[in-house]
Amino acid sequence: MSSSETTARRARRGRIFDLAERTPQGDPFETTEECRAYDRSVRTSMIIPMQHMMKLIGPDCGPDKNVLEIGCASGLLSLRLAAQHRDSTFTGLDSNDAFLEVARENTIFANLVSYGGDFACDWARYSRLPYPDDSFDVVFSFCAINRWDKPARILPELARVCRPGGAVLLYDLARDADEGMVSFVLQYAGGDANAFMRSLRASYSTEEMRELLDQVGLGDWSVSREGINLVVSSRTRDTGYTVGEPGIYDRIFD
C-alpha cells in the first residue's frame, strides 16, 4: 500500500498520525555534540513550554527551598529557575553523561556572566535516587518522561524524596494531543520534525498516565492535557494557558 493510501485510510478513520500505540525510544542522545545540538535547538523551539513550566513551578520555589529536576538534560530550565529564585537550591540529575557535560558547560558560562543561581548537576539512576526520604520541597521533570525506561519504578521514587506538603510536577508531550496541534508544531519544526515525532510516539496519553499512576499507588495525582503537553501534578493546580497569555513570555531571557 502506498503512503498516500495509508494516509487516506487514517484520515477516513479520523486520525492523521500513527499514534495509537506508544513506541518507546529510550535515550536517543549518544554524543556530546548531539546534546549540544539539542541544547541549541530548545533555546528557541521550547520557549513557550519552558515559560509555561516556569509559571507552574515558580510559586513552589522560594526561600530555602530544595528543588530537584529529574532528567535535567543540558540544565537549561533549572539554570533559568535558579537565576530567578536565588534563595532556592537546585539540583539536576541525568543518566546521560553527555548531557551532564553540556549542563556543566552551561553552568560555568552562566556563572561567568553572573547569571547562575545555586545549581549543581550529577549522574543518577532515576529508579534508585541517591537521597533519603523527604529530601526535597519540589521535584520536577521537563520533557524527559518519554526517555524513561522504567516509569513504574521511577514515579514512586519521586514521591519518596518529596517532602510532605511538597510538590511533584511532571511535564511532557501528550501522545493524544489534538492532531491539529501536532500539525501546527510540525510546520515550524524544520529539521527537528523527525525527532519531535519520535518523542511524541514515545510519550504517554492522558489515560495511559492515569493508569500508570493508579498502578503505582499514586492515583490521587492529577493528569491534564494542555495543548500538546501532558502535565502531571501531585496536587491539583491550574495548568491552563493560551499562546499570547500575559506572563507566558515574561522574563524569557532573564
Protein backbone atom coordinates (compact mmCIF):
# COMPACT_ATOMS: atom_id res chain seq x y z
CA MET A 1 0.00 0.00 0.00
CA SER A 2 1.37 3.43 -0.93
CA SER A 3 1.97 6.13 1.67
CA SER A 4 -0.82 8.24 0.17
CA GLU A 5 -3.27 5.35 0.51
CA THR A 6 -2.18 4.79 4.12
CA THR A 7 -2.66 8.49 4.88
CA ALA A 8 -6.08 8.41 3.26
CA ARG A 9 -7.14 5.39 5.34
CA ARG A 10 -6.05 7.08 8.56
CA ALA A 11 -7.85 10.25 7.57
CA ARG A 12 -11.06 8.27 6.96
CA ARG A 13 -10.71 6.84 10.45
CA GLY A 14 -10.31 10.38 11.76
CA ARG A 15 -6.59 10.05 12.52
CA ILE A 16 -3.74 11.52 10.50
CA PHE A 17 -0.76 10.34 12.52
CA ASP A 18 0.10 6.84 13.65
CA LEU A 19 -0.04 7.49 17.38
CA ALA A 20 -2.40 4.80 18.60
CA GLU A 21 0.34 2.71 20.22
CA ARG A 22 3.21 4.02 22.32
CA THR A 23 6.64 3.36 20.77
CA PRO A 24 9.40 3.60 23.41
CA GLN A 25 12.61 5.17 22.15
CA GLY A 26 14.97 5.09 25.12
CA ASP A 27 17.55 7.86 25.21
CA PRO A 28 18.28 8.93 21.61
CA PHE A 29 21.22 11.16 22.58
CA GLU A 30 24.58 9.39 22.50
CA THR A 31 27.27 12.01 21.94
CA THR A 32 28.12 15.35 23.49
CA GLU A 33 27.70 17.04 20.12
CA GLU A 34 24.16 15.65 19.82
CA CYS A 35 23.39 17.02 23.29
CA ARG A 36 24.86 20.41 22.39
CA ALA A 37 22.72 20.50 19.25
CA TYR A 38 19.62 19.68 21.33
CA ASP A 39 20.53 22.44 23.77
CA ARG A 40 20.84 25.00 20.96
CA SER A 41 17.52 23.89 19.47
CA VAL A 42 15.38 24.01 22.63
CA ARG A 43 16.54 27.55 23.44
CA THR A 44 14.15 28.72 20.72
CA SER A 45 11.82 25.83 19.88
CA MET A 46 10.80 25.24 23.52
CA ILE A 47 10.37 28.85 24.67
CA ILE A 48 6.61 28.60 25.26
CA PRO A 49 6.67 25.18 27.05
CA MET A 50 9.59 26.32 29.22
CA GLN A 51 7.79 29.52 30.14
CA HIS A 52 4.65 27.52 30.95
CA MET A 53 6.64 25.16 33.18
CA MET A 54 8.34 28.08 34.93
CA LYS A 55 4.98 29.70 35.55
CA LEU A 56 3.63 26.46 37.02
CA ILE A 57 6.57 25.69 39.28
CA GLY A 58 7.63 29.20 40.24
CA PRO A 59 5.18 29.56 43.15
CA ASP A 60 6.63 26.40 44.73
CA CYS A 61 10.14 27.87 44.78
CA GLY A 62 11.21 30.31 47.44
CA PRO A 63 13.48 30.91 50.45
CA ASP A 64 15.47 27.83 51.47
CA LYS A 65 13.58 25.51 49.10
CA ASN A 66 15.41 22.43 47.79
CA VAL A 67 14.40 21.70 44.20
CA LEU A 68 15.23 18.54 42.24
CA GLU A 69 14.99 18.13 38.47
CA ILE A 70 14.87 14.59 37.10
CA GLY A 71 16.30 14.30 33.59
CA CYS A 72 17.81 17.78 33.54
CA ALA A 73 19.45 17.26 30.12
CA SER A 74 21.53 20.38 29.37
CA GLY A 75 20.38 22.02 32.62
CA LEU A 76 18.77 24.93 30.82
CA LEU A 77 15.46 25.00 32.70
CA SER A 78 16.96 24.57 36.18
CA LEU A 79 19.54 27.26 35.42
CA ARG A 80 16.78 29.67 34.39
CA LEU A 81 14.78 28.87 37.51
CA ALA A 82 17.86 29.19 39.71
CA ALA A 83 18.57 32.62 38.25
CA GLN A 84 15.03 33.75 39.13
CA HIS A 85 14.93 32.09 42.57
CA ARG A 86 18.36 32.75 44.05
CA ASP A 87 17.19 31.80 47.53
CA SER A 88 16.39 28.23 46.38
CA THR A 89 18.83 25.37 45.86
CA PHE A 90 18.51 23.46 42.57
CA THR A 91 19.87 20.00 41.82
CA GLY A 92 19.69 18.42 38.37
CA LEU A 93 20.05 14.71 37.72
CA ASP A 94 20.53 12.90 34.45
CA SER A 95 21.53 9.37 33.49
CA ASN A 96 23.29 10.55 30.32
CA ASP A 97 26.91 11.61 30.89
CA ALA A 98 27.00 13.54 27.60
CA PHE A 99 24.08 15.70 28.71
CA LEU A 100 25.76 16.32 32.06
CA GLU A 101 28.87 17.54 30.26
CA VAL A 102 26.76 20.12 28.42
CA ALA A 103 24.90 21.05 31.62
CA ARG A 104 28.22 21.74 33.35
CA GLU A 105 29.35 23.86 30.40
CA ASN A 106 26.14 25.86 30.66
CA THR A 107 26.60 26.25 34.41
CA ILE A 108 30.15 27.57 34.01
CA PHE A 109 29.04 30.06 31.39
CA ALA A 110 26.05 31.17 33.48
CA ASN A 111 28.35 31.81 36.44
CA LEU A 112 30.86 33.70 34.27
CA VAL A 113 28.17 36.16 33.18
CA SER A 114 26.73 36.40 36.72
CA TYR A 115 23.53 34.67 35.61
CA GLY A 116 23.75 31.46 37.57
CA GLY A 117 21.97 30.77 40.82
CA ASP A 118 22.53 27.83 43.17
CA PHE A 119 22.55 24.90 40.71
CA ALA A 120 24.56 21.68 40.53
CA CYS A 121 24.06 18.53 38.48
CA ASP A 122 25.07 14.90 38.80
CA TRP A 123 24.51 11.40 37.40
CA ALA A 124 21.87 9.15 38.93
CA ARG A 125 19.68 6.16 38.23
CA TYR A 126 16.14 7.56 38.44
CA SER A 127 14.69 4.31 39.74
CA ARG A 128 17.05 4.46 42.74
CA LEU A 129 17.60 8.08 43.69
CA PRO A 130 20.62 8.69 45.97
CA TYR A 131 18.66 10.65 48.58
CA PRO A 132 16.82 9.80 51.80
CA ASP A 133 13.07 10.16 52.10
CA ASP A 134 11.61 13.67 52.21
CA SER A 135 14.74 15.40 50.87
CA PHE A 136 13.18 17.98 48.51
CA ASP A 137 10.43 20.56 48.59
CA VAL A 138 9.92 20.38 44.82
CA VAL A 139 10.60 17.55 42.36
CA PHE A 140 10.02 18.16 38.68
CA SER A 141 10.76 16.82 35.21
CA PHE A 142 10.53 18.63 31.90
CA CYS A 143 10.06 16.72 28.63
CA ALA A 144 12.02 13.71 29.87
CA ILE A 145 9.39 11.07 30.64
CA ASN A 146 9.45 9.86 27.03
CA ARG A 147 13.11 8.86 27.63
CA TRP A 148 12.41 6.89 30.83
CA ASP A 149 12.71 3.12 30.54
CA LYS A 150 11.18 2.19 33.94
CA PRO A 151 8.49 4.77 34.77
CA ALA A 152 6.67 2.41 37.13
CA ARG A 153 9.81 2.33 39.31
CA ILE A 154 10.70 5.99 38.86
CA LEU A 155 7.39 7.62 39.83
CA PRO A 156 7.35 6.18 43.39
CA GLU A 157 10.95 7.39 43.82
CA LEU A 158 9.88 10.94 43.00
CA ALA A 159 7.14 10.72 45.61
CA ARG A 160 9.54 9.20 48.15
CA VAL A 161 12.11 12.01 48.02
CA CYS A 162 9.47 14.78 48.03
CA ARG A 163 8.65 16.15 51.48
CA PRO A 164 5.09 16.06 52.83
CA GLY A 165 3.34 19.15 51.56
CA GLY A 166 5.85 19.48 48.74
CA ALA A 167 5.17 19.32 45.03
CA VAL A 168 5.94 16.87 42.24
CA LEU A 169 5.34 18.28 38.75
CA LEU A 170 5.97 16.41 35.51
CA TYR A 171 5.69 17.97 32.06
CA ASP A 172 5.99 16.13 28.75
CA LEU A 173 4.36 15.62 25.38
CA ALA A 174 0.87 14.09 25.24
CA ARG A 175 0.51 11.41 22.60
CA ASP A 176 -3.26 12.00 22.48
CA ALA A 177 -2.82 15.71 21.73
CA ASP A 178 -5.12 17.25 19.16
CA GLU A 179 -3.76 16.37 15.73
CA GLY A 180 -4.29 19.94 14.58
CA MET A 181 -1.79 21.00 17.25
CA VAL A 182 0.64 18.31 16.12
CA SER A 183 0.36 19.55 12.54
CA PHE A 184 0.90 23.13 13.73
CA VAL A 185 4.11 22.17 15.57
CA LEU A 186 5.40 20.22 12.57
CA GLN A 187 5.06 23.31 10.37
CA TYR A 188 7.73 25.00 12.45
CA ALA A 189 9.82 22.00 13.47
CA GLY A 190 12.08 22.14 10.42
CA GLY A 191 14.95 19.67 10.72
CA ASP A 192 13.70 18.64 14.17
CA ALA A 193 10.41 17.19 12.84
CA ASN A 194 11.55 13.55 12.94
CA ALA A 195 12.97 13.91 16.45
CA PHE A 196 9.75 15.56 17.59
CA MET A 197 7.62 12.73 16.20
CA ARG A 198 9.85 10.08 17.79
CA SER A 199 9.44 11.79 21.15
CA LEU A 200 5.68 12.13 20.63
CA ARG A 201 5.33 8.43 19.78
CA ALA A 202 7.33 7.55 22.91
CA SER A 203 5.11 9.72 25.11
CA TYR A 204 2.06 8.73 27.12
CA SER A 205 -1.58 9.56 26.55
CA THR A 206 -3.53 11.06 29.43
CA GLU A 207 -5.36 7.79 30.02
CA GLU A 208 -2.14 5.74 29.95
CA MET A 209 -0.58 8.07 32.51
CA ARG A 210 -3.62 7.81 34.79
CA GLU A 211 -3.44 4.02 34.57
CA LEU A 212 0.29 4.09 35.35
CA LEU A 213 -0.24 6.31 38.39
CA ASP A 214 -3.01 4.01 39.64
CA GLN A 215 -0.70 1.05 39.17
CA VAL A 216 2.00 2.53 41.42
CA GLY A 217 -0.37 3.85 44.09
CA LEU A 218 -0.35 7.50 43.03
CA GLY A 219 -3.86 7.66 41.68
CA ASP A 220 -4.61 10.87 43.60
CA TRP A 221 -2.17 12.82 41.41
CA SER A 222 -3.75 14.96 38.71
CA VAL A 223 -3.25 14.49 34.97
CA SER A 224 -4.20 17.09 32.38
CA ARG A 225 -3.50 17.84 28.75
CA GLU A 226 -2.69 21.42 27.79
CA GLY A 227 -2.21 21.99 24.08
CA ILE A 228 0.29 19.37 23.03
CA ASN A 229 1.62 18.79 26.54
CA LEU A 230 0.88 16.38 29.37
CA VAL A 231 1.03 17.83 32.89
CA VAL A 232 1.16 15.53 35.93
CA SER A 233 0.99 17.03 39.41
CA SER A 234 0.99 15.61 42.91
CA ARG A 235 -1.64 18.18 43.80
CA THR A 236 -4.44 19.87 41.93
CA ARG A 237 -3.38 23.09 40.23
CA ASP A 238 -4.46 25.32 37.36
CA THR A 239 -2.35 24.16 34.43
CA GLY A 240 -4.10 26.09 31.66
CA TYR A 241 -2.57 28.69 29.39
CA THR A 242 -3.11 30.17 25.95
CA VAL A 243 -0.50 31.33 23.46
CA GLY A 244 -0.15 35.07 23.91
CA GLU A 245 -1.29 34.99 27.53
CA PRO A 246 0.29 37.81 29.56
CA GLY A 247 3.05 36.35 31.69
CA ILE A 248 3.85 33.34 29.50
CA TYR A 249 6.59 35.35 27.77
CA ASP A 250 7.74 37.34 30.81
CA ARG A 251 11.48 37.34 31.57
CA ILE A 252 12.25 34.92 28.74
CA PHE A 253 15.89 35.94 28.59
CA ASP A 254 16.47 36.60 32.30
